[in-house]
Amino acid sequence: AILPPDINRSEAEFSVEDSGDGLAVRYALAALKSVGEGAMEKLVAEREAGGPFESIDDLARRIDPRILNKRQLETLAAAGAFDALNDNRAGIVASAETILATAARIHDQKISGQGGLFGTAEASEPPIKLPL
Protein backbone atom coordinates (compact mmCIF):
# COMPACT_ATOMS: atom_id res chain seq x y z
CA ALA A 1 0.00 0.00 0.00
CA ILE A 2 1.05 3.58 -0.57
CA LEU A 3 0.20 6.15 2.10
CA PRO A 4 -0.28 9.81 1.14
CA PRO A 5 2.22 12.56 1.98
CA ASP A 6 1.90 13.86 5.53
CA ILE A 7 3.82 16.79 6.99
CA ASN A 8 4.17 14.91 10.30
CA ARG A 9 4.93 11.43 8.99
CA SER A 10 6.59 11.66 5.59
CA GLU A 11 10.31 11.91 5.16
CA ALA A 12 12.01 13.81 2.36
CA GLU A 13 12.47 10.43 0.65
CA PHE A 14 10.04 7.51 0.42
CA SER A 15 9.88 5.51 3.65
CA VAL A 16 8.31 2.33 4.94
CA GLU A 17 6.02 2.30 7.97
CA ASP A 18 3.51 0.04 9.66
CA SER A 19 0.03 1.05 8.52
CA GLY A 20 -1.79 -1.27 10.91
CA ASP A 21 -2.53 -3.64 8.03
CA GLY A 22 1.11 -4.40 7.44
CA LEU A 23 3.95 -2.45 5.94
CA ALA A 24 3.23 0.43 3.59
CA VAL A 25 5.23 3.00 1.67
CA ARG A 26 4.77 6.60 2.83
CA TYR A 27 4.90 9.04 -0.06
CA ALA A 28 7.99 11.28 0.04
CA LEU A 29 7.60 15.03 0.48
CA ALA A 30 10.43 15.65 -1.99
CA ALA A 31 8.70 13.48 -4.60
CA LEU A 32 6.00 16.12 -5.03
CA LYS A 33 6.57 18.23 -8.12
CA SER A 34 8.38 21.53 -7.54
CA VAL A 35 8.95 21.29 -3.77
CA GLY A 36 12.66 20.44 -3.80
CA GLU A 37 14.57 17.88 -1.81
CA GLY A 38 16.70 20.35 0.16
CA ALA A 39 13.68 22.29 1.41
CA MET A 40 11.89 19.10 2.41
CA GLU A 41 14.96 17.82 4.25
CA LYS A 42 15.03 21.06 6.28
CA LEU A 43 11.30 20.81 6.95
CA VAL A 44 11.72 17.22 8.21
CA ALA A 45 14.73 18.28 10.31
CA GLU A 46 12.60 20.98 12.01
CA ARG A 47 9.88 18.43 12.71
CA GLU A 48 12.40 16.01 14.19
CA ALA A 49 13.96 18.74 16.33
CA GLY A 50 10.75 20.38 17.56
CA GLY A 51 8.25 17.54 17.38
CA PRO A 52 5.24 17.15 15.10
CA PHE A 53 3.60 20.29 13.79
CA GLU A 54 0.39 20.87 15.75
CA SER A 55 -1.33 23.36 13.46
CA ILE A 56 -0.83 25.66 10.51
CA ASP A 57 0.04 28.39 13.03
CA ASP A 58 2.67 26.13 14.60
CA LEU A 59 4.11 25.44 11.15
CA ALA A 60 4.30 29.20 10.44
CA ARG A 61 6.01 29.81 13.79
CA ARG A 62 8.64 27.14 13.25
CA ILE A 63 9.61 27.15 9.57
CA ASP A 64 12.36 29.26 8.15
CA PRO A 65 10.55 31.28 5.45
CA ARG A 66 13.69 31.21 3.31
CA ILE A 67 13.30 27.46 2.69
CA LEU A 68 9.63 27.41 1.72
CA ASN A 69 7.92 29.52 -0.91
CA LYS A 70 4.31 30.00 -1.98
CA ARG A 71 4.45 27.42 -4.77
CA GLN A 72 5.93 24.76 -2.47
CA LEU A 73 3.32 25.47 0.21
CA GLU A 74 0.51 25.28 -2.34
CA THR A 75 1.85 22.00 -3.75
CA LEU A 76 2.10 20.45 -0.29
CA ALA A 77 -1.46 21.58 0.54
CA ALA A 78 -2.90 20.34 -2.76
CA ALA A 79 -1.26 16.93 -2.23
CA GLY A 80 -2.84 16.65 1.22
CA ALA A 81 0.38 16.92 3.21
CA PHE A 82 -1.33 19.25 5.72
CA ASP A 83 -4.56 17.24 6.06
CA ALA A 84 -3.58 16.07 9.56
CA LEU A 85 -3.31 19.72 10.64
CA ASN A 86 -6.24 21.12 8.68
CA ASP A 87 -8.04 19.37 5.84
CA ASN A 88 -9.16 22.64 4.23
CA ARG A 89 -6.77 22.32 1.29
CA ALA A 90 -8.32 25.20 -0.66
CA GLY A 91 -8.13 27.41 2.43
CA ILE A 92 -4.44 26.66 2.92
CA VAL A 93 -3.72 27.34 -0.76
CA ALA A 94 -5.67 30.61 -0.56
CA SER A 95 -3.80 31.58 2.62
CA ALA A 96 -0.32 30.61 1.44
CA GLU A 97 0.88 34.22 1.28
CA THR A 98 -0.51 34.92 4.77
CA ILE A 99 1.16 31.82 6.19
CA LEU A 100 4.51 32.77 4.66
CA ALA A 101 4.17 36.42 5.71
CA THR A 102 3.51 35.30 9.28
CA ALA A 103 6.52 32.98 9.14
CA ALA A 104 8.69 35.83 7.81
CA ARG A 105 7.59 38.28 10.54
CA ILE A 106 8.23 35.76 13.30
CA HIS A 107 11.57 34.79 11.81
CA ASP A 108 12.63 38.44 11.49
CA GLN A 109 11.60 39.15 15.10
CA LYS A 110 13.60 36.16 16.33
CA ILE A 111 16.66 37.24 14.34
CA SER A 112 16.45 40.85 15.55
CA GLY A 113 15.93 39.80 19.15
CA GLN A 114 12.59 41.57 19.39
CA GLY A 115 9.75 39.83 21.17
CA GLY A 116 6.09 40.34 21.68
CA LEU A 117 4.41 41.57 24.81
CA PHE A 118 5.34 38.37 26.65
CA GLY A 119 8.88 38.12 25.36
CA THR A 120 8.31 35.94 22.32
CA ALA A 121 7.79 36.81 18.70
CA GLU A 122 4.97 34.28 18.45
CA ALA A 123 2.94 36.04 21.15
CA SER A 124 2.31 39.07 18.97
CA GLU A 125 0.99 37.13 15.98
CA PRO A 126 -2.76 36.60 15.66
CA PRO A 127 -3.93 33.11 14.63
CA ILE A 128 -4.07 32.44 10.89
CA LYS A 129 -7.67 32.26 9.72
CA LEU A 130 -8.27 30.07 6.70
CA PRO A 131 -11.16 30.91 4.37
CA LEU A 132 -13.95 28.35 4.28
C-alpha atoms as a PDB file:
ATOM      1  CA  ALA A   1       0.000   0.000   0.000  1.00  0.00           C
ATOM      2  CA  ILE A   2       1.049   3.583  -0.572  1.00  0.00           C
ATOM      3  CA  LEU A   3       0.205   6.148   2.102  1.00  0.00           C
ATOM      4  CA  PRO A   4      -0.277   9.813   1.138  1.00  0.00           C
ATOM      5  CA  PRO A   5       2.220  12.558   1.982  1.00  0.00           C
ATOM      6  CA  ASP A   6       1.899  13.857   5.532  1.00  0.00           C
ATOM      7  CA  ILE A   7       3.815  16.794   6.992  1.00  0.00           C
ATOM      8  CA  ASN A   8       4.167  14.914  10.302  1.00  0.00           C
ATOM      9  CA  ARG A   9       4.931  11.429   8.986  1.00  0.00           C
ATOM     10  CA  SER A  10       6.588  11.663   5.588  1.00  0.00           C
ATOM     11  CA  GLU A  11      10.310  11.913   5.162  1.00  0.00           C
ATOM     12  CA  ALA A  12      12.011  13.813   2.358  1.00  0.00           C
ATOM     13  CA  GLU A  13      12.466  10.434   0.649  1.00  0.00           C
ATOM     14  CA  PHE A  14      10.040   7.508   0.419  1.00  0.00           C
ATOM     15  CA  SER A  15       9.881   5.512   3.653  1.00  0.00           C
ATOM     16  CA  VAL A  16       8.309   2.329   4.942  1.00  0.00           C
ATOM     17  CA  GLU A  17       6.016   2.303   7.969  1.00  0.00           C
ATOM     18  CA  ASP A  18       3.514   0.044   9.663  1.00  0.00           C
ATOM     19  CA  SER A  19       0.031   1.045   8.523  1.00  0.00           C
ATOM     20  CA  GLY A  20      -1.790  -1.269  10.911  1.00  0.00           C
ATOM     21  CA  ASP A  21      -2.533  -3.638   8.034  1.00  0.00           C
ATOM     22  CA  GLY A  22       1.115  -4.399   7.436  1.00  0.00           C
ATOM     23  CA  LEU A  23       3.950  -2.453   5.939  1.00  0.00           C
ATOM     24  CA  ALA A  24       3.235   0.433   3.587  1.00  0.00           C
ATOM     25  CA  VAL A  25       5.231   3.003   1.674  1.00  0.00           C
ATOM     26  CA  ARG A  26       4.767   6.601   2.834  1.00  0.00           C
ATOM     27  CA  TYR A  27       4.905   9.039  -0.063  1.00  0.00           C
ATOM     28  CA  ALA A  28       7.987  11.275   0.040  1.00  0.00           C
ATOM     29  CA  LEU A  29       7.599  15.027   0.476  1.00  0.00           C
ATOM     30  CA  ALA A  30      10.433  15.652  -1.994  1.00  0.00           C
ATOM     31  CA  ALA A  31       8.698  13.480  -4.604  1.00  0.00           C
ATOM     32  CA  LEU A  32       6.000  16.115  -5.026  1.00  0.00           C
ATOM     33  CA  LYS A  33       6.573  18.227  -8.116  1.00  0.00           C
ATOM     34  CA  SER A  34       8.383  21.533  -7.543  1.00  0.00           C
ATOM     35  CA  VAL A  35       8.953  21.292  -3.771  1.00  0.00           C
ATOM     36  CA  GLY A  36      12.656  20.445  -3.796  1.00  0.00           C
ATOM     37  CA  GLU A  37      14.568  17.879  -1.814  1.00  0.00           C
ATOM     38  CA  GLY A  38      16.702  20.346   0.161  1.00  0.00           C
ATOM     39  CA  ALA A  39      13.680  22.288   1.411  1.00  0.00           C
ATOM     40  CA  MET A  40      11.886  19.102   2.408  1.00  0.00           C
ATOM     41  CA  GLU A  41      14.962  17.820   4.251  1.00  0.00           C
ATOM     42  CA  LYS A  42      15.030  21.055   6.280  1.00  0.00           C
ATOM     43  CA  LEU A  43      11.296  20.807   6.953  1.00  0.00           C
ATOM     44  CA  VAL A  44      11.715  17.224   8.205  1.00  0.00           C
ATOM     45  CA  ALA A  45      14.730  18.285  10.310  1.00  0.00           C
ATOM     46  CA  GLU A  46      12.601  20.979  12.006  1.00  0.00           C
ATOM     47  CA  ARG A  47       9.876  18.430  12.708  1.00  0.00           C
ATOM     48  CA  GLU A  48      12.399  16.006  14.187  1.00  0.00           C
ATOM     49  CA  ALA A  49      13.961  18.738  16.334  1.00  0.00           C
ATOM     50  CA  GLY A  50      10.752  20.376  17.556  1.00  0.00           C
ATOM     51  CA  GLY A  51       8.247  17.538  17.381  1.00  0.00           C
ATOM     52  CA  PRO A  52       5.242  17.147  15.101  1.00  0.00           C
ATOM     53  CA  PHE A  53       3.596  20.287  13.787  1.00  0.00           C
ATOM     54  CA  GLU A  54       0.394  20.870  15.747  1.00  0.00           C
ATOM     55  CA  SER A  55      -1.334  23.365  13.465  1.00  0.00           C
ATOM     56  CA  ILE A  56      -0.831  25.656  10.507  1.00  0.00           C
ATOM     57  CA  ASP A  57       0.043  28.388  13.028  1.00  0.00           C
ATOM     58  CA  ASP A  58       2.673  26.128  14.600  1.00  0.00           C
ATOM     59  CA  LEU A  59       4.112  25.442  11.151  1.00  0.00           C
ATOM     60  CA  ALA A  60       4.302  29.200  10.435  1.00  0.00           C
ATOM     61  CA  ARG A  61       6.014  29.810  13.787  1.00  0.00           C
ATOM     62  CA  ARG A  62       8.639  27.144  13.245  1.00  0.00           C
ATOM     63  CA  ILE A  63       9.607  27.151   9.575  1.00  0.00           C
ATOM     64  CA  ASP A  64      12.362  29.257   8.152  1.00  0.00           C
ATOM     65  CA  PRO A  65      10.552  31.278   5.454  1.00  0.00           C
ATOM     66  CA  ARG A  66      13.691  31.208   3.306  1.00  0.00           C
ATOM     67  CA  ILE A  67      13.296  27.458   2.690  1.00  0.00           C
ATOM     68  CA  LEU A  68       9.629  27.408   1.718  1.00  0.00           C
ATOM     69  CA  ASN A  69       7.920  29.523  -0.915  1.00  0.00           C
ATOM     70  CA  LYS A  70       4.310  30.000  -1.984  1.00  0.00           C
ATOM     71  CA  ARG A  71       4.452  27.424  -4.766  1.00  0.00           C
ATOM     72  CA  GLN A  72       5.928  24.765  -2.471  1.00  0.00           C
ATOM     73  CA  LEU A  73       3.322  25.467   0.211  1.00  0.00           C
ATOM     74  CA  GLU A  74       0.509  25.283  -2.343  1.00  0.00           C
ATOM     75  CA  THR A  75       1.850  22.004  -3.754  1.00  0.00           C
ATOM     76  CA  LEU A  76       2.096  20.447  -0.286  1.00  0.00           C
ATOM     77  CA  ALA A  77      -1.461  21.580   0.536  1.00  0.00           C
ATOM     78  CA  ALA A  78      -2.900  20.341  -2.762  1.00  0.00           C
ATOM     79  CA  ALA A  79      -1.260  16.934  -2.227  1.00  0.00           C
ATOM     80  CA  GLY A  80      -2.842  16.650   1.217  1.00  0.00           C
ATOM     81  CA  ALA A  81       0.384  16.921   3.207  1.00  0.00           C
ATOM     82  CA  PHE A  82      -1.326  19.253   5.717  1.00  0.00           C
ATOM     83  CA  ASP A  83      -4.555  17.240   6.061  1.00  0.00           C
ATOM     84  CA  ALA A  84      -3.584  16.066   9.560  1.00  0.00           C
ATOM     85  CA  LEU A  85      -3.311  19.721  10.644  1.00  0.00           C
ATOM     86  CA  ASN A  86      -6.245  21.123   8.682  1.00  0.00           C
ATOM     87  CA  ASP A  87      -8.035  19.372   5.837  1.00  0.00           C
ATOM     88  CA  ASN A  88      -9.164  22.644   4.229  1.00  0.00           C
ATOM     89  CA  ARG A  89      -6.768  22.324   1.291  1.00  0.00           C
ATOM     90  CA  ALA A  90      -8.315  25.201  -0.659  1.00  0.00           C
ATOM     91  CA  GLY A  91      -8.127  27.411   2.435  1.00  0.00           C
ATOM     92  CA  ILE A  92      -4.441  26.658   2.919  1.00  0.00           C
ATOM     93  CA  VAL A  93      -3.724  27.336  -0.759  1.00  0.00           C
ATOM     94  CA  ALA A  94      -5.671  30.613  -0.563  1.00  0.00           C
ATOM     95  CA  SER A  95      -3.800  31.585   2.624  1.00  0.00           C
ATOM     96  CA  ALA A  96      -0.322  30.606   1.436  1.00  0.00           C
ATOM     97  CA  GLU A  97       0.881  34.218   1.284  1.00  0.00           C
ATOM     98  CA  THR A  98      -0.509  34.922   4.770  1.00  0.00           C
ATOM     99  CA  ILE A  99       1.162  31.825   6.192  1.00  0.00           C
ATOM    100  CA  LEU A 100       4.506  32.775   4.661  1.00  0.00           C
ATOM    101  CA  ALA A 101       4.175  36.424   5.711  1.00  0.00           C
ATOM    102  CA  THR A 102       3.505  35.304   9.277  1.00  0.00           C
ATOM    103  CA  ALA A 103       6.522  32.984   9.140  1.00  0.00           C
ATOM    104  CA  ALA A 104       8.686  35.829   7.810  1.00  0.00           C
ATOM    105  CA  ARG A 105       7.588  38.283  10.536  1.00  0.00           C
ATOM    106  CA  ILE A 106       8.228  35.761  13.304  1.00  0.00           C
ATOM    107  CA  HIS A 107      11.570  34.787  11.812  1.00  0.00           C
ATOM    108  CA  ASP A 108      12.628  38.444  11.487  1.00  0.00           C
ATOM    109  CA  GLN A 109      11.599  39.149  15.101  1.00  0.00           C
ATOM    110  CA  LYS A 110      13.600  36.159  16.331  1.00  0.00           C
ATOM    111  CA  ILE A 111      16.656  37.243  14.341  1.00  0.00           C
ATOM    112  CA  SER A 112      16.452  40.854  15.550  1.00  0.00           C
ATOM    113  CA  GLY A 113      15.926  39.795  19.154  1.00  0.00           C
ATOM    114  CA  GLN A 114      12.587  41.566  19.389  1.00  0.00           C
ATOM    115  CA  GLY A 115       9.746  39.827  21.170  1.00  0.00           C
ATOM    116  CA  GLY A 116       6.094  40.340  21.680  1.00  0.00           C
ATOM    117  CA  LEU A 117       4.406  41.574  24.813  1.00  0.00           C
ATOM    118  CA  PHE A 118       5.340  38.368  26.653  1.00  0.00           C
ATOM    119  CA  GLY A 119       8.883  38.119  25.359  1.00  0.00           C
ATOM    120  CA  THR A 120       8.306  35.935  22.322  1.00  0.00           C
ATOM    121  CA  ALA A 121       7.787  36.808  18.698  1.00  0.00           C
ATOM    122  CA  GLU A 122       4.967  34.283  18.454  1.00  0.00           C
ATOM    123  CA  ALA A 123       2.937  36.035  21.150  1.00  0.00           C
ATOM    124  CA  SER A 124       2.307  39.074  18.970  1.00  0.00           C
ATOM    125  CA  GLU A 125       0.993  37.129  15.984  1.00  0.00           C
ATOM    126  CA  PRO A 126      -2.764  36.604  15.659  1.00  0.00           C
ATOM    127  CA  PRO A 127      -3.928  33.115  14.625  1.00  0.00           C
ATOM    128  CA  ILE A 128      -4.067  32.445  10.889  1.00  0.00           C
ATOM    129  CA  LYS A 129      -7.671  32.257   9.722  1.00  0.00           C
ATOM    130  CA  LEU A 130      -8.270  30.069   6.695  1.00  0.00           C
ATOM    131  CA  PRO A 131     -11.162  30.914   4.366  1.00  0.00           C
ATOM    132  CA  LEU A 132     -13.954  28.345   4.276  1.00  0.00           C
END
